[in-house]
C-alpha atoms as a PDB file:
ATOM      1  CA  MET A   1       0.000   0.000   0.000  1.00  0.00           C
ATOM      2  CA  LYS A   2       1.412   3.406  -1.001  1.00  0.00           C
ATOM      3  CA  ASN A   3       1.788   6.094   1.664  1.00  0.00           C
ATOM      4  CA  ASN A   4      -0.171   9.153   0.478  1.00  0.00           C
ATOM      5  CA  ALA A   5       0.451  11.209   3.611  1.00  0.00           C
ATOM      6  CA  LYS A   6       1.287  14.880   3.168  1.00  0.00           C
ATOM      7  CA  TYR A   7       3.783  16.745   5.301  1.00  0.00           C
ATOM      8  CA  SER A   8       5.021  20.272   5.800  1.00  0.00           C
ATOM      9  CA  ALA A   9       8.049  21.791   7.457  1.00  0.00           C
ATOM     10  CA  ALA A  10       7.093  24.451   9.984  1.00  0.00           C
ATOM     11  CA  ILE A  11       9.955  26.902  10.437  1.00  0.00           C
ATOM     12  CA  ASN A  12      10.174  28.973  13.605  1.00  0.00           C
ATOM     13  CA  ASP A  13      11.729  32.233  12.410  1.00  0.00           C
ATOM     14  CA  LYS A  14      12.498  33.210  16.000  1.00  0.00           C
ATOM     15  CA  TYR A  15      15.082  30.415  16.282  1.00  0.00           C
ATOM     16  CA  CYS A  16      16.204  30.006  12.653  1.00  0.00           C
ATOM     17  CA  LYS A  17      19.711  31.362  11.967  1.00  0.00           C
ATOM     18  CA  ILE A  18      19.288  31.679   8.190  1.00  0.00           C
ATOM     19  CA  VAL A  19      22.142  34.159   7.791  1.00  0.00           C
ATOM     20  CA  THR A  20      24.804  31.763   9.096  1.00  0.00           C
ATOM     21  CA  CYS A  21      23.293  28.305   8.703  1.00  0.00           C
ATOM     22  CA  ARG A  22      21.053  27.010   5.851  1.00  0.00           C
ATOM     23  CA  ILE A  23      21.808  23.375   6.753  1.00  0.00           C
ATOM     24  CA  CYS A  24      18.169  22.419   6.248  1.00  0.00           C
ATOM     25  CA  ALA A  25      18.019  23.721   2.679  1.00  0.00           C
ATOM     26  CA  GLY A  26      21.202  21.868   1.807  1.00  0.00           C
ATOM     27  CA  ILE A  27      20.236  18.536   3.353  1.00  0.00           C
ATOM     28  CA  CYS A  28      16.662  18.260   2.037  1.00  0.00           C
ATOM     29  CA  PRO A  29      16.581  15.363  -0.481  1.00  0.00           C
ATOM     30  CA  VAL A  30      13.563  16.785  -2.346  1.00  0.00           C
ATOM     31  CA  ASP A  31      14.667  20.457  -2.356  1.00  0.00           C
ATOM     32  CA  ASN A  32      11.582  21.412  -0.359  1.00  0.00           C
ATOM     33  CA  LEU A  33      13.215  24.132   1.726  1.00  0.00           C
ATOM     34  CA  LEU A  34      14.099  27.289  -0.160  1.00  0.00           C
ATOM     35  CA  VAL A  35      15.675  30.599   0.793  1.00  0.00           C
ATOM     36  CA  ARG A  36      13.383  33.512  -0.057  1.00  0.00           C
ATOM     37  CA  ASN A  37      13.600  37.053   1.282  1.00  0.00           C
ATOM     38  CA  ASN A  38      16.254  35.929   3.757  1.00  0.00           C
ATOM     39  CA  ARG A  39      13.924  33.270   5.220  1.00  0.00           C
ATOM     40  CA  ILE A  40      13.559  29.513   4.848  1.00  0.00           C
ATOM     41  CA  VAL A  41      10.230  28.595   3.258  1.00  0.00           C
ATOM     42  CA  ASP A  42       8.473  25.288   2.627  1.00  0.00           C
ATOM     43  CA  SER A  43       7.795  24.883  -1.108  1.00  0.00           C
ATOM     44  CA  GLY A  44       5.085  22.256  -0.578  1.00  0.00           C
ATOM     45  CA  ASN A  45       7.086  19.178  -1.587  1.00  0.00           C
ATOM     46  CA  CYS A  46       7.940  17.820   1.880  1.00  0.00           C
ATOM     47  CA  ASN A  47       8.129  14.019   1.997  1.00  0.00           C
ATOM     48  CA  GLY A  48       8.292  13.874   5.799  1.00  0.00           C
ATOM     49  CA  CYS A  49      11.793  12.353   5.998  1.00  0.00           C
ATOM     50  CA  GLY A  50      12.731  14.563   8.979  1.00  0.00           C
ATOM     51  CA  LEU A  51      16.333  15.262   7.965  1.00  0.00           C
ATOM     52  CA  CYS A  52      15.896  19.019   8.292  1.00  0.00           C
ATOM     53  CA  GLU A  53      14.319  18.640  11.718  1.00  0.00           C
ATOM     54  CA  ASN A  54      17.052  16.274  12.912  1.00  0.00           C
ATOM     55  CA  TYR A  55      19.988  18.342  11.614  1.00  0.00           C
ATOM     56  CA  CYS A  56      18.788  21.831  12.571  1.00  0.00           C
ATOM     57  CA  PRO A  57      21.198  22.960  15.323  1.00  0.00           C
ATOM     58  CA  GLU A  58      18.658  25.509  16.598  1.00  0.00           C
ATOM     59  CA  MET A  59      15.677  23.097  16.600  1.00  0.00           C
ATOM     60  CA  ALA A  60      13.819  25.649  14.483  1.00  0.00           C
ATOM     61  CA  ILE A  61      12.026  23.126  12.250  1.00  0.00           C
ATOM     62  CA  LYS A  62       9.162  20.770  13.020  1.00  0.00           C
ATOM     63  CA  ILE A  63       7.806  18.294  10.470  1.00  0.00           C
ATOM     64  CA  GLU A  64       4.028  18.165  10.645  1.00  0.00           C
ATOM     65  CA  LYS A  65       1.576  15.770   9.044  1.00  0.00           C
ATOM     66  CA  VAL A  66      -1.029  17.702   7.058  1.00  0.00           C
ATOM     67  CA  ASN A  67      -4.617  16.626   7.611  1.00  0.00           C
ATOM     68  CA  LEU A  68      -6.411  16.217   4.318  1.00  0.00           C
END
């Protein structure tokens, strides 16, 4: 059975150190996290792998399951 779950990456701008970090954007295997206007944004392609959440040194990202 195929997993059709949808996910999103919630970024807490208060903790995100976009100017010096960007680890999440670099580690995302589906290029979901993008840098726009000096912020990290979710492009809507999150597969829920959790790499960004696990590698964020500031714990500024939380992967959330989207209710359809």
